C-alpha atoms as a PDB file:
ATOM      1  CA  MET A   1     160.711-102.550  45.285  1.00  0.00           C
ATOM      2  CA  LEU A   2     163.483-104.923  44.249  1.00  0.00           C
ATOM      3  CA  SER A   3     163.937-105.589  40.577  1.00  0.00           C
ATOM      4  CA  GLY A   4     166.762-106.994  38.580  1.00  0.00           C
ATOM      5  CA  MET A   5     167.979-109.233  41.416  1.00  0.00           C
ATOM      6  CA  THR A   6     170.261-111.795  39.840  1.00  0.00           C
ATOM      7  CA  ASP A   7     172.922-114.282  40.781  1.00  0.00           C
ATOM      8  CA  LEU A   8     176.274-113.142  39.464  1.00  0.00           C
ATOM      9  CA  ASP A   9     178.638-115.288  37.456  1.00  0.00           C
ATOM     10  CA  LEU A  10     180.573-112.371  36.038  1.00  0.00           C
ATOM     11  CA  VAL A  11     183.780-110.638  36.919  1.00  0.00           C
ATOM     12  CA  LEU A  12     183.468-107.207  38.482  1.00  0.00           C
ATOM     13  CA  ASP A  13     185.083-104.258  36.836  1.00  0.00           C
ATOM     14  CA  PRO A  14     188.062-102.870  38.783  1.00  0.00           C
ATOM     15  CA  GLU A  15     186.117 -99.917  40.218  1.00  0.00           C
ATOM     16  CA  ASP A  16     183.386-102.159  41.626  1.00  0.00           C
ATOM     17  CA  GLN A  17     185.997-104.604  42.936  1.00  0.00           C
ATOM     18  CA  LYS A  18     187.600-101.663  44.754  1.00  0.00           C
ATOM     19  CA  LEU A  19     184.253-101.001  46.461  1.00  0.00           C
ATOM     20  CA  VAL A  20     184.073-104.641  47.592  1.00  0.00           C
ATOM     21  CA  THR A  21     187.602-104.417  49.016  1.00  0.00           C
ATOM     22  CA  LEU A  22     186.817-101.170  50.840  1.00  0.00           C
ATOM     23  CA  ALA A  23     183.551-102.528  52.264  1.00  0.00           C
ATOM     24  CA  ARG A  24     185.282-105.694  53.485  1.00  0.00           C
ATOM     25  CA  SER A  25     187.976-103.625  55.178  1.00  0.00           C
ATOM     26  CA  ALA A  26     185.396-101.431  56.947  1.00  0.00           C
ATOM     27  CA  ARG A  27     183.592-104.518  58.213  1.00  0.00           C
ATOM     28  CA  ALA A  28     186.775-106.101  59.524  1.00  0.00           C
ATOM     29  CA  ARG A  29     188.319-102.911  60.913  1.00  0.00           C
ATOM     30  CA  ASN A  30     185.219-101.909  62.824  1.00  0.00           C
ATOM     31  CA  GLY A  31     184.169-105.408  63.868  1.00  0.00           C
ATOM     32  CA  VAL A  32     180.643-104.886  62.571  1.00  0.00           C
ATOM     33  CA  ALA A  33     178.231-107.256  60.838  1.00  0.00           C
ATOM     34  CA  GLU A  34     178.275-105.301  57.584  1.00  0.00           C
ATOM     35  CA  GLY A  35     180.467-102.856  55.749  1.00  0.00           C
ATOM     36  CA  ALA A  36     179.576-100.727  52.750  1.00  0.00           C
ATOM     37  CA  ALA A  37     181.204 -98.553  50.142  1.00  0.00           C
ATOM     38  CA  VAL A  38     179.599 -96.233  47.605  1.00  0.00           C
ATOM     39  CA  ARG A  39     180.979 -94.339  44.608  1.00  0.00           C
ATOM     40  CA  ASP A  40     179.494 -90.946  43.798  1.00  0.00           C
ATOM     41  CA  GLU A  41     179.009 -89.303  40.426  1.00  0.00           C
ATOM     42  CA  THR A  42     182.542 -87.862  40.488  1.00  0.00           C
ATOM     43  CA  GLY A  43     184.216 -91.163  41.378  1.00  0.00           C
ATOM     44  CA  ARG A  44     184.787 -90.375  45.061  1.00  0.00           C
ATOM     45  CA  THR A  45     184.255 -93.263  47.452  1.00  0.00           C
ATOM     46  CA  TYR A  46     182.723 -93.340  50.914  1.00  0.00           C
ATOM     47  CA  VAL A  47     183.197 -96.283  53.255  1.00  0.00           C
ATOM     48  CA  ALA A  48     181.257 -97.101  56.414  1.00  0.00           C
ATOM     49  CA  GLY A  49     180.173 -99.739  58.867  1.00  0.00           C
ATOM     50  CA  ALA A  50     176.791-100.055  60.485  1.00  0.00           C
ATOM     51  CA  VAL A  51     175.970 -97.586  63.270  1.00  0.00           C
ATOM     52  CA  VAL A  52     174.183 -98.995  66.310  1.00  0.00           C
ATOM     53  CA  LEU A  53     173.563 -96.536  69.127  1.00  0.00           C
ATOM     54  CA  PRO A  54     170.672 -96.335  71.581  1.00  0.00           C
ATOM     55  CA  SER A  55     169.239 -93.366  69.689  1.00  0.00           C
ATOM     56  CA  LEU A  56     170.472 -94.081  66.131  1.00  0.00           C
ATOM     57  CA  VAL A  57     170.588 -97.244  64.049  1.00  0.00           C
ATOM     58  CA  LEU A  58     171.845 -97.080  60.461  1.00  0.00           C
ATOM     59  CA  SER A  59     172.874 -99.859  58.137  1.00  0.00           C
ATOM     60  CA  ALA A  60     176.319 -99.642  56.589  1.00  0.00           C
ATOM     61  CA  VAL A  61     174.779 -98.608  53.250  1.00  0.00           C
ATOM     62  CA  GLN A  62     172.684 -95.892  54.886  1.00  0.00           C
ATOM     63  CA  THR A  63     175.771 -94.581  56.692  1.00  0.00           C
ATOM     64  CA  ALA A  64     177.909 -94.553  53.523  1.00  0.00           C
ATOM     65  CA  VAL A  65     175.171 -92.773  51.549  1.00  0.00           C
ATOM     66  CA  ALA A  66     174.722 -90.230  54.366  1.00  0.00           C
ATOM     67  CA  MET A  67     178.482 -89.576  54.309  1.00  0.00           C
ATOM     68  CA  ALA A  68     178.328 -89.034  50.543  1.00  0.00           C
ATOM     69  CA  VAL A  69     175.411 -86.603  50.831  1.00  0.00           C
ATOM     70  CA  ALA A  70     177.082 -84.745  53.713  1.00  0.00           C
ATOM     71  CA  SER A  71     180.164 -84.364  51.506  1.00  0.00           C
ATOM     72  CA  GLY A  72     178.163 -82.847  48.650  1.00  0.00           C
ATOM     73  CA  ALA A  73     177.500 -85.849  46.402  1.00  0.00           C
ATOM     74  CA  LYS A  74     174.638 -85.305  43.983  1.00  0.00           C
ATOM     75  CA  GLY A  75     174.396 -88.896  42.737  1.00  0.00           C
ATOM     76  CA  LEU A  76     175.737 -92.440  42.999  1.00  0.00           C
ATOM     77  CA  GLU A  77     177.297 -94.708  40.417  1.00  0.00           C
ATOM     78  CA  ALA A  78     177.306 -97.862  42.551  1.00  0.00           C
ATOM     79  CA  ALA A  79     177.062 -99.241  46.077  1.00  0.00           C
ATOM     80  CA  VAL A  80     178.378-102.412  47.714  1.00  0.00           C
ATOM     81  CA  VAL A  81     177.465-104.062  51.003  1.00  0.00           C
ATOM     82  CA  VAL A  82     179.499-106.890  52.500  1.00  0.00           C
ATOM     83  CA  THR A  83     177.411-108.964  54.873  1.00  0.00           C
ATOM     84  CA  ALA A  84     176.452-112.496  55.820  1.00  0.00           C
ATOM     85  CA  ALA A  85     172.888-111.761  54.651  1.00  0.00           C
ATOM     86  CA  GLN A  86     171.700-113.427  51.461  1.00  0.00           C
ATOM     87  CA  THR A  87     169.667-110.487  50.153  1.00  0.00           C
ATOM     88  CA  PRO A  88     169.957-106.738  50.579  1.00  0.00           C
ATOM     89  CA  ALA A  89     167.604-104.894  52.890  1.00  0.00           C
ATOM     90  CA  GLU A  90     164.770-102.975  51.243  1.00  0.00           C
ATOM     91  CA  ALA A  91     165.899 -99.838  53.119  1.00  0.00           C
ATOM     92  CA  ASP A  92     169.366-100.139  51.555  1.00  0.00           C
ATOM     93  CA  VAL A  93     167.919-100.486  48.070  1.00  0.00           C
ATOM     94  CA  ALA A  94     165.718 -97.447  48.747  1.00  0.00           C
ATOM     95  CA  VAL A  95     168.533 -95.183  49.940  1.00  0.00           C
ATOM     96  CA  VAL A  96     170.708 -96.131  46.944  1.00  0.00           C
ATOM     97  CA  ARG A  97     167.766 -95.311  44.661  1.00  0.00           C
ATOM     98  CA  ASP A  98     167.146 -92.019  46.496  1.00  0.00           C
ATOM     99  CA  LEU A  99     170.626 -90.696  45.708  1.00  0.00           C
ATOM    100  CA  GLY A 100     171.533 -92.686  42.614  1.00  0.00           C
ATOM    101  CA  GLY A 101     168.204 -92.939  40.861  1.00  0.00           C
ATOM    102  CA  PRO A 102     166.513 -96.000  39.383  1.00  0.00           C
ATOM    103  CA  GLY A 103     168.950 -98.518  37.966  1.00  0.00           C
ATOM    104  CA  THR A 104     171.832 -97.689  40.303  1.00  0.00           C
ATOM    105  CA  PRO A 105     173.346-101.034  41.277  1.00  0.00           C
ATOM    106  CA  LEU A 106     173.636-102.300  44.829  1.00  0.00           C
ATOM    107  CA  LEU A 107     176.018-105.257  44.933  1.00  0.00           C
ATOM    108  CA  LEU A 108     175.851-107.679  47.846  1.00  0.00           C
ATOM    109  CA  ALA A 109     178.995-109.645  48.650  1.00  0.00           C
ATOM    110  CA  GLY A 110     179.698-112.210  51.319  1.00  0.00           C
ATOM    111  CA  PRO A 111     182.326-111.695  54.023  1.00  0.00           C
ATOM    112  CA  ASP A 112     184.885-113.419  51.782  1.00  0.00           C
ATOM    113  CA  GLY A 113     184.229-110.842  49.054  1.00  0.00           C
ATOM    114  CA  SER A 114     182.374-113.214  46.745  1.00  0.00           C
ATOM    115  CA  LEU A 115     179.558-111.503  44.915  1.00  0.00           C
ATOM    116  CA  ARG A 116     176.104-112.900  45.687  1.00  0.00           C
ATOM    117  CA  VAL A 117     173.580-110.615  43.989  1.00  0.00           C
ATOM    118  CA  ARG A 118     173.263-107.393  42.074  1.00  0.00           C
ATOM    119  CA  VAL A 119     170.121-105.384  42.656  1.00  0.00           C
ATOM    120  CA  GLU A 120     168.968-102.411  40.643  1.00  0.00           C
ATOM    121  CA  ALA A 121     166.270-100.395  42.342  1.00  0.00           C
ATOM    122  CA  SER A 122     163.253 -99.572  40.221  1.00  0.00           C
END
């Protein structure tokens, strides 16, 4: 369930801005519709694009969270997805909540890096 979805008129802190920059670069570098970056509980970052194969389809957020888990992350501080979409997918909110817990922010930015919404999973 989405809760806390708001329009943002605030400036991101430098660590969250870094996630936006990394997610934008993954999107551009890989030529995919969305890029994502997550920061784990130790401050490490994981960057990914969407995966679309005949037998496996993962959003960029799902891929970045899977990379974090595979690398031993026990939690998330924040996640960012850069996409043309106007709202985050429920599955992305769910996977951020699964690793980060309720209240972990998922920030959605447009392809130009402008922040659109901040969602905190309940």
